[in-house]
Amino acid sequence: MMKKLYLPLLVALVAVLTSCSSKMGELSSDYFTVTPQVLEAVGGKVPATINGKFPEKYFNKKAIVEVTPVLKWEGGEAKGQSAVFQGEKVEGNEQTISYKMGGNYTMKTSFDYVPEMAKSELYLEFKATIGKKTVEIPAVKVADGVISTSEMVEQTLSSATPAKGADAFQRVIKEKHDAQIMFLIQQANVRASELKTAKEFGQEVKDVNEAANKKISNIEISAYASPDGGYELNKGLAENRQDNTAKVISRDLKKAKIDATVDTKYTAQDWEGFQELVSKSNIQDKELILRVLSMYQDPEQREQEIKNISSVYKTLADEILPQLRRSRLTLNYEVIGKSDEEIANLADTDASQLSLEELLYAATLTKDAAKQEAIYTKATQAYPNDYRAFNNLGKLAYQAGNYEKAESYFKKAASIKDAPEVNMNLGLIALTKGDKAAAESYLGKASGAEELNEALGNLYIAQGQYDKAASAFGDTKSNSAALAQILSKDYNKAKTTLDNIETPDAYTEYLKAVLGARTNNAALVTSSMKNAVAKDPSLAKKAATDLEFAKYFTNTDFMNIIK
């Protein structure tokens, strides 16, 4: 009888002990999924979402398990944030996992990207205890990584366009010379005393006409009558003043043998001039007079209302109205600057004969970077208080890949003027250093710089805002623009951009290969990678670990290119 009772009890005890077994054991990778399946760098981070499962009858009721994601590569590793789980009989605040039913969980993690992660693997490591006893659970590999295409912004930045401090050179500058012939009240004849003014004006016309670098456009005669008196009277006066002034000027032009167009017009009652003179004066009741002008549009009513202000009318008659009885003479002419050939020659032989604007313009007449640098250097020596030449020397250094030298020039320019172009360029320098916060600060002060959107596009790539980056680039044809389009999955536009880059380099070809891999175009992958490696052999090593090309690692043609 005892034997019959003992055997069932023994079986039950074994079952209980098994249910509470301290041997939680190995977990299969089938219990885990990772999003994305292949890890990818985004904005300098490698984010991942891990969905895991503890299977049924696995999690000991007294167990505590700490799960830590670890990204491992040759020579290093990075640990993500851990999560802790507990069995049903553990008193605590962690997520409880049922022994009988098991349990699911989600972990979000992120690693700071380093280039070595290109060839890496993501593991989950477990630290488990049951009471005071440590239980070994082997680490589980859950993902491969990392696709680092977004980090190519550090290389594509080399093709970014720094902002230029533009010249204000104008070959043709419009100038004018003014004079006035004054008339007495209700008179239109040009008095002898005013003929001197006409003579001096004629001499100015003659000087301009004889100057080698000046050309007369026309002469304008605008005659006026003051607004006191009736309209018909003033109209006749203004018209006669116009005609009499034109006769004097035309006579002098004929005598000097100058062929110039003379345009004439008259204003019967110069209310506009009257308002301007009153507003600039200090006469009594000025505001009252100006209010009358705004309230009444009829000339006769205006005149009567102003006359009603008896306290100031005499002052108006003595000080304001006489200044409106006139003919205004205007000589319009053009000052014609040096030719491109003259400017280029002087920039090379005697820069001291050039103005700052001419020197800055001279640099645009050549595509030779060495000649541009020589011209800008001369400009900094002759005009050290202008920031543009220093900025433009920085632009040349940046485009030559010498970021340290470029930064030195940009900072010198910034010490002279806090200009939008300089801030934009310092923002680009900050991006080359990976300092996104500084870049954002500089670009925030670069409003008005012509190339700002392109610089912002590079910043948005670095921040992981790919759609925003693609929008900022617009139709810019550059490696960075194509990178943004690839990352935002606008592959058709990326192809158009890459095919239309003016001076394609090794990274242009490498991006074409990436595009080919993403669009399953094997021919584009191999042809573009061949071109990329020919231009920059170091890209073969990059491609050998770039998971963009994972499915081509068994392709003989591809492997022969990058071996």
Foldseek 3Di string as FASTA:
>chain_A
DVVVVVVVVVVVVVVVCLLQDLALEEDALVQKAKPPQAWEDFLQKTKIKMKGWRAASRAHQQKKKKKWKWKDFVPDIDIWDIAIEHHNPDDDDGHYAYNGHTDMDMDITMDRDDVRLLFIWIKIAMWMDRVPRTHHYDIYTHHHDDFYLLVCLLVQLLFAFFFAPAFPDDQKDKDKDKDKQFDDALDQARDPVRVVRLVVVLVVVLVQVPDPQKFWAAKEKEFFAALPDDQVSLVVNRVSNQVNSVVSNVVSCVVSVHDHHYHYDYDSHPPVQLLVVLVPDDFPPSVVLNVLVVVDDDSVSSNVVVVVVVVCVVVCVVPPRSVRRIMMMMTMMIGGHDDLVVLLVCLVPPCVVDDLSSLSVNLVVDPPLVSSLSSLVVSCVVPVLALRSLQVNLSSCSNVVNLVSSLVSLVSSVVNPLALSSLQSVLSSCVSVVNLVSSVVSLVSNPPRPSSLQSVLSSCSSNSNLVSSLVSCPLPQGLSNLSSCVSVPVLVSSVVSLVPDPDDALSSLCSQLLSCLVVVNVVSNLVSLLRSCVRPVVVLVVVCSNCSCVVCNPPPSSNVSSD
